[in-house]
Amino acid sequence: LLASASDDESIRLWNLKTGAHVQTLMSDRPY
């Protein structure tokens, strides 16, 4: 797995071998 963190407030997980996006981790905002 490759994990990336961004100013867009998300962490994205990728399959390193294929480059496929696996999951996006992002906490809910208050509203």
PDB file of all heavy atoms in Angstrom:
ATOM      1  N   LEU A   1       0.817  -1.207   0.000  1.00  0.00           N
ATOM      2  CA  LEU A   1       0.000   0.000   0.000  1.00  0.00           C
ATOM      3  C   LEU A   1       0.853   1.260   0.000  1.00  0.00           C
ATOM      4  O   LEU A   1       1.913   1.307   0.620  1.00  0.00           O
ATOM      5  CB  LEU A   1      -0.919   0.018   1.228  1.00  0.00           C
ATOM      6  CG  LEU A   1      -2.079  -0.978   1.249  1.00  0.00           C
ATOM      7  CD1 LEU A   1      -2.801  -0.903   2.588  1.00  0.00           C
ATOM      8  CD2 LEU A   1      -3.049  -0.689   0.108  1.00  0.00           C
ATOM      9  N   LEU A   2       0.355   2.252  -0.680  1.00  0.00           N
ATOM     10  CA  LEU A   2       0.903   3.595  -0.662  1.00  0.00           C
ATOM     11  C   LEU A   2      -0.145   4.504  -0.040  1.00  0.00           C
ATOM     12  O   LEU A   2      -1.318   4.449  -0.417  1.00  0.00           O
ATOM     13  CB  LEU A   2       1.223   4.042  -2.091  1.00  0.00           C
ATOM     14  CG  LEU A   2       1.383   5.533  -2.382  1.00  0.00           C
ATOM     15  CD1 LEU A   2       2.545   6.113  -1.604  1.00  0.00           C
ATOM     16  CD2 LEU A   2       1.559   5.761  -3.866  1.00  0.00           C
ATOM     17  N   ALA A   3       0.258   5.300   0.934  1.00  0.00           N
ATOM     18  CA  ALA A   3      -0.651   6.268   1.550  1.00  0.00           C
ATOM     19  C   ALA A   3      -0.157   7.671   1.242  1.00  0.00           C
ATOM     20  O   ALA A   3       1.047   7.939   1.248  1.00  0.00           O
ATOM     21  CB  ALA A   3      -0.735   6.046   3.055  1.00  0.00           C
ATOM     22  N   SER A   4      -1.098   8.568   0.977  1.00  0.00           N
ATOM     23  CA  SER A   4      -0.755   9.956   0.672  1.00  0.00           C
ATOM     24  C   SER A   4      -1.656  10.891   1.465  1.00  0.00           C
ATOM     25  O   SER A   4      -2.843  10.610   1.662  1.00  0.00           O
ATOM     26  CB  SER A   4      -0.906  10.227  -0.827  1.00  0.00           C
ATOM     27  OG  SER A   4      -2.222   9.902  -1.274  1.00  0.00           O
ATOM     28  N   ALA A   5      -1.091  11.994   1.933  1.00  0.00           N
ATOM     29  CA  ALA A   5      -1.835  12.982   2.717  1.00  0.00           C
ATOM     30  C   ALA A   5      -1.738  14.329   2.034  1.00  0.00           C
ATOM     31  O   ALA A   5      -0.676  14.707   1.522  1.00  0.00           O
ATOM     32  CB  ALA A   5      -1.268  13.069   4.131  1.00  0.00           C
ATOM     33  N   SER A   6      -2.849  15.076   2.053  1.00  0.00           N
ATOM     34  CA  SER A   6      -2.931  16.279   1.239  1.00  0.00           C
ATOM     35  C   SER A   6      -3.593  17.434   1.979  1.00  0.00           C
ATOM     36  O   SER A   6      -4.291  17.253   2.977  1.00  0.00           O
ATOM     37  CB  SER A   6      -3.716  15.966  -0.039  1.00  0.00           C
ATOM     38  OG  SER A   6      -4.107  17.126  -0.733  1.00  0.00           O
ATOM     39  N   ASP A   7      -3.411  18.623   1.422  1.00  0.00           N
ATOM     40  CA  ASP A   7      -4.098  19.816   1.896  1.00  0.00           C
ATOM     41  C   ASP A   7      -5.609  19.734   1.679  1.00  0.00           C
ATOM     42  O   ASP A   7      -6.345  20.559   2.205  1.00  0.00           O
ATOM     43  CB  ASP A   7      -3.559  21.047   1.151  1.00  0.00           C
ATOM     44  CG  ASP A   7      -2.691  21.926   2.043  1.00  0.00           C
ATOM     45  OD1 ASP A   7      -2.519  21.598   3.228  1.00  0.00           O
ATOM     46  OD2 ASP A   7      -2.163  22.948   1.545  1.00  0.00           O
ATOM     47  N   ASP A   8      -6.067  18.764   0.892  1.00  0.00           N
ATOM     48  CA  ASP A   8      -7.505  18.620   0.663  1.00  0.00           C
ATOM     49  C   ASP A   8      -8.204  17.910   1.826  1.00  0.00           C
ATOM     50  O   ASP A   8      -9.366  17.523   1.726  1.00  0.00           O
ATOM     51  CB  ASP A   8      -7.795  17.910  -0.657  1.00  0.00           C
ATOM     52  CG  ASP A   8      -7.289  16.467  -0.699  1.00  0.00           C
ATOM     53  OD1 ASP A   8      -6.947  15.913   0.366  1.00  0.00           O
ATOM     54  OD2 ASP A   8      -7.233  15.889  -1.797  1.00  0.00           O
ATOM     55  N   GLU A   9      -7.464  17.719   2.930  1.00  0.00           N
ATOM     56  CA  GLU A   9      -7.982  17.151   4.181  1.00  0.00           C
ATOM     57  C   GLU A   9      -8.223  15.646   4.111  1.00  0.00           C
ATOM     58  O   GLU A   9      -8.907  15.076   4.964  1.00  0.00           O
ATOM     59  CB  GLU A   9      -9.271  17.860   4.614  1.00  0.00           C
ATOM     60  CG  GLU A   9      -9.115  19.359   4.799  1.00  0.00           C
ATOM     61  CD  GLU A   9     -10.410  20.058   5.162  1.00  0.00           C
ATOM     62  OE1 GLU A   9     -11.413  19.360   5.420  1.00  0.00           O
ATOM     63  OE2 GLU A   9     -10.425  21.304   5.171  1.00  0.00           O
ATOM     64  N   SER A  10      -7.643  14.992   3.109  1.00  0.00           N
ATOM     65  CA  SER A  10      -7.858  13.550   2.971  1.00  0.00           C
ATOM     66  C   SER A  10      -6.547  12.783   2.986  1.00  0.00           C
ATOM     67  O   SER A  10      -5.473  13.331   2.698  1.00  0.00           O
ATOM     68  CB  SER A  10      -8.605  13.237   1.670  1.00  0.00           C
ATOM     69  OG  SER A  10      -7.735  13.367   0.549  1.00  0.00           O
ATOM     70  N   ILE A  11      -6.657  11.513   3.349  1.00  0.00           N
ATOM     71  CA  ILE A  11      -5.598  10.522   3.177  1.00  0.00           C
ATOM     72  C   ILE A  11      -6.117   9.514   2.167  1.00  0.00           C
ATOM     73  O   ILE A  11      -7.247   9.018   2.297  1.00  0.00           O
ATOM     74  CB  ILE A  11      -5.266   9.809   4.500  1.00  0.00           C
ATOM     75  CG1 ILE A  11      -4.777  10.821   5.542  1.00  0.00           C
ATOM     76  CG2 ILE A  11      -4.235   8.701   4.279  1.00  0.00           C
ATOM     77  CD1 ILE A  11      -4.743  10.264   6.945  1.00  0.00           C
ATOM     78  N   ARG A  12      -5.333   9.218   1.175  1.00  0.00           N
ATOM     79  CA  ARG A  12      -5.753   8.244   0.163  1.00  0.00           C
ATOM     80  C   ARG A  12      -4.815   7.034   0.203  1.00  0.00           C
ATOM     81  O   ARG A  12      -3.604   7.183   0.342  1.00  0.00           O
ATOM     82  CB  ARG A  12      -5.756   8.870  -1.233  1.00  0.00           C
ATOM     83  CG  ARG A  12      -6.890   9.871  -1.428  1.00  0.00           C
ATOM     84  CD  ARG A  12      -6.864  10.545  -2.788  1.00  0.00           C
ATOM     85  NE  ARG A  12      -7.984  11.455  -2.918  1.00  0.00           N
ATOM     86  CZ  ARG A  12      -9.065  11.215  -3.657  1.00  0.00           C
ATOM     87  NH1 ARG A  12      -9.156  10.093  -4.346  1.00  0.00           N
ATOM     88  NH2 ARG A  12     -10.050  12.107  -3.722  1.00  0.00           N
ATOM     89  N   LEU A  13      -5.404   5.867   0.078  1.00  0.00           N
ATOM     90  CA  LEU A  13      -4.654   4.619   0.024  1.00  0.00           C
ATOM     91  C   LEU A  13      -4.692   4.090  -1.405  1.00  0.00           C
ATOM     92  O   LEU A  13      -5.746   4.086  -2.049  1.00  0.00           O
ATOM     93  CB  LEU A  13      -5.247   3.582   0.986  1.00  0.00           C
ATOM     94  CG  LEU A  13      -5.318   3.980   2.466  1.00  0.00           C
ATOM     95  CD1 LEU A  13      -5.922   2.845   3.286  1.00  0.00           C
ATOM     96  CD2 LEU A  13      -3.947   4.346   3.005  1.00  0.00           C
ATOM     97  N   TRP A  14      -3.539   3.626  -1.873  1.00  0.00           N
ATOM     98  CA  TRP A  14      -3.394   3.153  -3.248  1.00  0.00           C
ATOM     99  C   TRP A  14      -2.699   1.787  -3.250  1.00  0.00           C
ATOM    100  O   TRP A  14      -1.875   1.494  -2.384  1.00  0.00           O
ATOM    101  CB  TRP A  14      -2.536   4.110  -4.068  1.00  0.00           C
ATOM    102  CG  TRP A  14      -2.840   5.557  -3.915  1.00  0.00           C
ATOM    103  CD1 TRP A  14      -2.472   6.373  -2.869  1.00  0.00           C
ATOM    104  CD2 TRP A  14      -3.580   6.386  -4.803  1.00  0.00           C
ATOM    105  NE1 TRP A  14      -2.923   7.653  -3.074  1.00  0.00           N
ATOM    106  CE2 TRP A  14      -3.606   7.701  -4.255  1.00  0.00           C
ATOM    107  CE3 TRP A  14      -4.213   6.168  -6.035  1.00  0.00           C
ATOM    108  CZ2 TRP A  14      -4.235   8.766  -4.888  1.00  0.00           C
ATOM    109  CZ3 TRP A  14      -4.835   7.238  -6.666  1.00  0.00           C
ATOM    110  CH2 TRP A  14      -4.849   8.512  -6.084  1.00  0.00           C
ATOM    111  N   ASN A  15      -3.028   0.970  -4.237  1.00  0.00           N
ATOM    112  CA  ASN A  15      -2.296  -0.269  -4.469  1.00  0.00           C
ATOM    113  C   ASN A  15      -0.997   0.103  -5.183  1.00  0.00           C
ATOM    114  O   ASN A  15      -1.024   0.634  -6.294  1.00  0.00           O
ATOM    115  CB  ASN A  15      -3.127  -1.223  -5.325  1.00  0.00           C
ATOM    116  CG  ASN A  15      -2.455  -2.575  -5.527  1.00  0.00           C
ATOM    117  OD1 ASN A  15      -1.274  -2.661  -5.852  1.00  0.00           O
ATOM    118  ND2 ASN A  15      -3.212  -3.641  -5.348  1.00  0.00           N
ATOM    119  N   LEU A  16       0.125  -0.147  -4.539  1.00  0.00           N
ATOM    120  CA  LEU A  16       1.408   0.280  -5.093  1.00  0.00           C
ATOM    121  C   LEU A  16       1.700  -0.408  -6.429  1.00  0.00           C
ATOM    122  O   LEU A  16       2.270   0.200  -7.336  1.00  0.00           O
ATOM    123  CB  LEU A  16       2.532  -0.006  -4.090  1.00  0.00           C
ATOM    124  CG  LEU A  16       3.942   0.393  -4.517  1.00  0.00           C
ATOM    125  CD1 LEU A  16       4.039   1.891  -4.754  1.00  0.00           C
ATOM    126  CD2 LEU A  16       4.972  -0.035  -3.472  1.00  0.00           C
ATOM    127  N   LYS A  17       1.309  -1.680  -6.565  1.00  0.00           N
ATOM    128  CA  LYS A  17       1.630  -2.428  -7.784  1.00  0.00           C
ATOM    129  C   LYS A  17       0.804  -1.960  -8.976  1.00  0.00           C
ATOM    130  O   LYS A  17       1.319  -1.790 -10.076  1.00  0.00           O
ATOM    131  CB  LYS A  17       1.404  -3.929  -7.549  1.00  0.00           C
ATOM    132  CG  LYS A  17       2.455  -4.584  -6.661  1.00  0.00           C
ATOM    133  CD  LYS A  17       2.211  -6.069  -6.547  1.00  0.00           C
ATOM    134  CE  LYS A  17       3.290  -6.748  -5.705  1.00  0.00           C
ATOM    135  NZ  LYS A  17       3.041  -8.208  -5.553  1.00  0.00           N
ATOM    136  N   THR A  18      -0.499  -1.751  -8.753  1.00  0.00           N
ATOM    137  CA  THR A  18      -1.388  -1.429  -9.868  1.00  0.00           C
ATOM    138  C   THR A  18      -1.666   0.067 -10.004  1.00  0.00           C
ATOM    139  O   THR A  18      -2.106   0.529 -11.051  1.00  0.00           O
ATOM    140  CB  THR A  18      -2.734  -2.156  -9.707  1.00  0.00           C
ATOM    141  OG1 THR A  18      -3.419  -1.633  -8.551  1.00  0.00           O
ATOM    142  CG2 THR A  18      -2.524  -3.653  -9.534  1.00  0.00           C
ATOM    143  N   GLY A  19      -1.455   0.817  -8.921  1.00  0.00           N
ATOM    144  CA  GLY A  19      -1.797   2.230  -8.922  1.00  0.00           C
ATOM    145  C   GLY A  19      -3.261   2.510  -8.658  1.00  0.00           C
ATOM    146  O   GLY A  19      -3.702   3.660  -8.697  1.00  0.00           O
ATOM    147  N   ALA A  20      -4.032   1.457  -8.390  1.00  0.00           N
ATOM    148  CA  ALA A  20      -5.469   1.629  -8.168  1.00  0.00           C
ATOM    149  C   ALA A  20      -5.740   2.306  -6.828  1.00  0.00           C
ATOM    150  O   ALA A  20      -5.075   2.016  -5.821  1.00  0.00           O
ATOM    151  CB  ALA A  20      -6.177   0.277  -8.212  1.00  0.00           C
ATOM    152  N   HIS A  21      -6.725   3.198  -6.815  1.00  0.00           N
ATOM    153  CA  HIS A  21      -7.152   3.842  -5.574  1.00  0.00           C
ATOM    154  C   HIS A  21      -7.939   2.828  -4.753  1.00  0.00           C
ATOM    155  O   HIS A  21      -8.891   2.219  -5.238  1.00  0.00           O
ATOM    156  CB  HIS A  21      -8.005   5.068  -5.901  1.00  0.00           C
ATOM    157  CG  HIS A  21      -8.604   5.716  -4.698  1.00  0.00           C
ATOM    158  ND1 HIS A  21      -9.950   5.830  -4.499  1.00  0.00           N
ATOM    159  CD2 HIS A  21      -8.022   6.282  -3.608  1.00  0.00           C
ATOM    160  CE1 HIS A  21     -10.183   6.444  -3.349  1.00  0.00           C
ATOM    161  NE2 HIS A  21      -9.023   6.731  -2.799  1.00  0.00           N
ATOM    162  N   VAL A  22      -7.550   2.639  -3.513  1.00  0.00           N
ATOM    163  CA  VAL A  22      -8.170   1.638  -2.653  1.00  0.00           C
ATOM    164  C   VAL A  22      -9.210   2.260  -1.727  1.00  0.00           C
ATOM    165  O   VAL A  22     -10.320   1.748  -1.567  1.00  0.00           O
ATOM    166  CB  VAL A  22      -7.093   0.897  -1.817  1.00  0.00           C
ATOM    167  CG1 VAL A  22      -7.743  -0.074  -0.833  1.00  0.00           C
ATOM    168  CG2 VAL A  22      -6.115   0.178  -2.723  1.00  0.00           C
ATOM    169  N   GLN A  23      -8.870   3.381  -1.107  1.00  0.00           N
ATOM    170  CA  GLN A  23      -9.750   3.966  -0.099  1.00  0.00           C
ATOM    171  C   GLN A  23      -9.355   5.410   0.169  1.00  0.00           C
ATOM    172  O   GLN A  23      -8.201   5.785   0.011  1.00  0.00           O
ATOM    173  CB  GLN A  23      -9.654   3.154   1.206  1.00  0.00           C
ATOM    174  CG  GLN A  23     -10.664   3.515   2.266  1.00  0.00           C
ATOM    175  CD  GLN A  23     -10.543   2.598   3.487  1.00  0.00           C
ATOM    176  OE1 GLN A  23      -9.644   1.762   3.562  1.00  0.00           O
ATOM    177  NE2 GLN A  23     -11.425   2.757   4.435  1.00  0.00           N
ATOM    178  N   THR A  24     -10.357   6.209   0.551  1.00  0.00           N
ATOM    179  CA  THR A  24     -10.098   7.576   1.003  1.00  0.00           C
ATOM    180  C   THR A  24     -10.499   7.696   2.464  1.00  0.00           C
ATOM    181  O   THR A  24     -11.605   7.302   2.846  1.00  0.00           O
ATOM    182  CB  THR A  24     -10.885   8.606   0.175  1.00  0.00           C
ATOM    183  OG1 THR A  24     -10.466   8.531  -1.194  1.00  0.00           O
ATOM    184  CG2 THR A  24     -10.638  10.017   0.684  1.00  0.00           C
ATOM    185  N   LEU A  25      -9.594   8.194   3.279  1.00  0.00           N
ATOM    186  CA  LEU A  25      -9.863   8.408   4.700  1.00  0.00           C
ATOM    187  C   LEU A  25     -10.041   9.899   4.924  1.00  0.00           C
ATOM    188  O   LEU A  25      -9.159  10.694   4.619  1.00  0.00           O
ATOM    189  CB  LEU A  25      -8.703   7.888   5.552  1.00  0.00           C
ATOM    190  CG  LEU A  25      -8.271   6.437   5.311  1.00  0.00           C
ATOM    191  CD1 LEU A  25      -7.068   6.090   6.176  1.00  0.00           C
ATOM    192  CD2 LEU A  25      -9.416   5.476   5.591  1.00  0.00           C
ATOM    193  N   MET A  26     -11.215  10.261   5.462  1.00  0.00           N
ATOM    194  CA  MET A  26     -11.507  11.669   5.670  1.00  0.00           C
ATOM    195  C   MET A  26     -12.531  11.786   6.785  1.00  0.00           C
ATOM    196  O   MET A  26     -13.611  11.192   6.722  1.00  0.00           O
ATOM    197  CB  MET A  26     -12.050  12.286   4.380  1.00  0.00           C
ATOM    198  CG  MET A  26     -12.088  13.788   4.360  1.00  0.00           C
ATOM    199  SD  MET A  26     -12.476  14.383   2.682  1.00  0.00           S
ATOM    200  CE  MET A  26     -12.288  16.139   2.923  1.00  0.00           C
ATOM    201  N   SER A  27     -12.197  12.507   7.836  1.00  0.00           N
ATOM    202  CA  SER A  27     -13.126  12.632   8.960  1.00  0.00           C
ATOM    203  C   SER A  27     -14.229  13.619   8.617  1.00  0.00           C
ATOM    204  O   SER A  27     -14.036  14.589   7.873  1.00  0.00           O
ATOM    205  CB  SER A  27     -12.387  13.098  10.218  1.00  0.00           C
ATOM    206  OG  SER A  27     -11.814  14.370  10.004  1.00  0.00           O
ATOM    207  N   ASP A  28     -15.422  13.359   9.148  1.00  0.00           N
ATOM    208  CA  ASP A  28     -16.546  14.273   8.938  1.00  0.00           C
ATOM    209  C   ASP A  28     -16.287  15.597   9.635  1.00  0.00           C
ATOM    210  O   ASP A  28     -15.793  15.646  10.761  1.00  0.00           O
ATOM    211  CB  ASP A  28     -17.843  13.662   9.486  1.00  0.00           C
ATOM    212  CG  ASP A  28     -18.359  12.534   8.612  1.00  0.00           C
ATOM    213  OD1 ASP A  28     -17.933  12.456   7.442  1.00  0.00           O
ATOM    214  OD2 ASP A  28     -19.174  11.741   9.106  1.00  0.00           O
ATOM    215  N   ARG A  29     -16.674  16.666   8.962  1.00  0.00           N
ATOM    216  CA  ARG A  29     -16.607  17.989   9.571  1.00  0.00           C
ATOM    217  C   ARG A  29     -17.852  18.210  10.435  1.00  0.00           C
ATOM    218  O   ARG A  29     -18.845  17.485  10.309  1.00  0.00           O
ATOM    219  CB  ARG A  29     -16.484  19.042   8.467  1.00  0.00           C
ATOM    220  CG  ARG A  29     -15.150  18.963   7.725  1.00  0.00           C
ATOM    221  CD  ARG A  29     -15.145  19.785   6.456  1.00  0.00           C
ATOM    222  NE  ARG A  29     -16.051  19.227   5.459  1.00  0.00           N
ATOM    223  CZ  ARG A  29     -16.236  19.751   4.243  1.00  0.00           C
ATOM    224  NH1 ARG A  29     -15.584  20.845   3.892  1.00  0.00           N
ATOM    225  NH2 ARG A  29     -17.071  19.198   3.395  1.00  0.00           N
ATOM    226  N   PRO A  30     -17.826  19.205  11.328  1.00  0.00           N
ATOM    227  CA  PRO A  30     -18.923  19.359  12.306  1.00  0.00           C
ATOM    228  C   PRO A  30     -20.313  19.471  11.696  1.00  0.00           C
ATOM    229  O   PRO A  30     -21.285  18.978  12.272  1.00  0.00           O
ATOM    230  CB  PRO A  30     -18.533  20.652  13.055  1.00  0.00           C
ATOM    231  CG  PRO A  30     -17.061  20.754  12.909  1.00  0.00           C
ATOM    232  CD  PRO A  30     -16.743  20.171  11.569  1.00  0.00           C
ATOM    233  N   TYR A  31     -20.422  20.112  10.517  1.00  0.00           N
ATOM    234  CA  TYR A  31     -21.739  20.307   9.905  1.00  0.00           C
ATOM    235  C   TYR A  31     -21.839  19.568   8.569  1.00  0.00           C
ATOM    236  O   TYR A  31     -22.541  20.009   7.661  1.00  0.00           O
ATOM    237  CB  TYR A  31     -22.015  21.804   9.736  1.00  0.00           C
ATOM    238  CG  TYR A  31     -22.057  22.540  11.050  1.00  0.00           C
ATOM    239  CD1 TYR A  31     -20.959  23.278  11.490  1.00  0.00           C
ATOM    240  CD2 TYR A  31     -23.178  22.483  11.873  1.00  0.00           C
ATOM    241  CE1 TYR A  31     -20.979  23.932  12.713  1.00  0.00           C
ATOM    242  CE2 TYR A  31     -23.212  23.140  13.100  1.00  0.00           C
ATOM    243  CZ  TYR A  31     -22.111  23.864  13.508  1.00  0.00           C
ATOM    244  OH  TYR A  31     -22.132  24.507  14.727  1.00  0.00           O
TER     245      TYR A  31
END
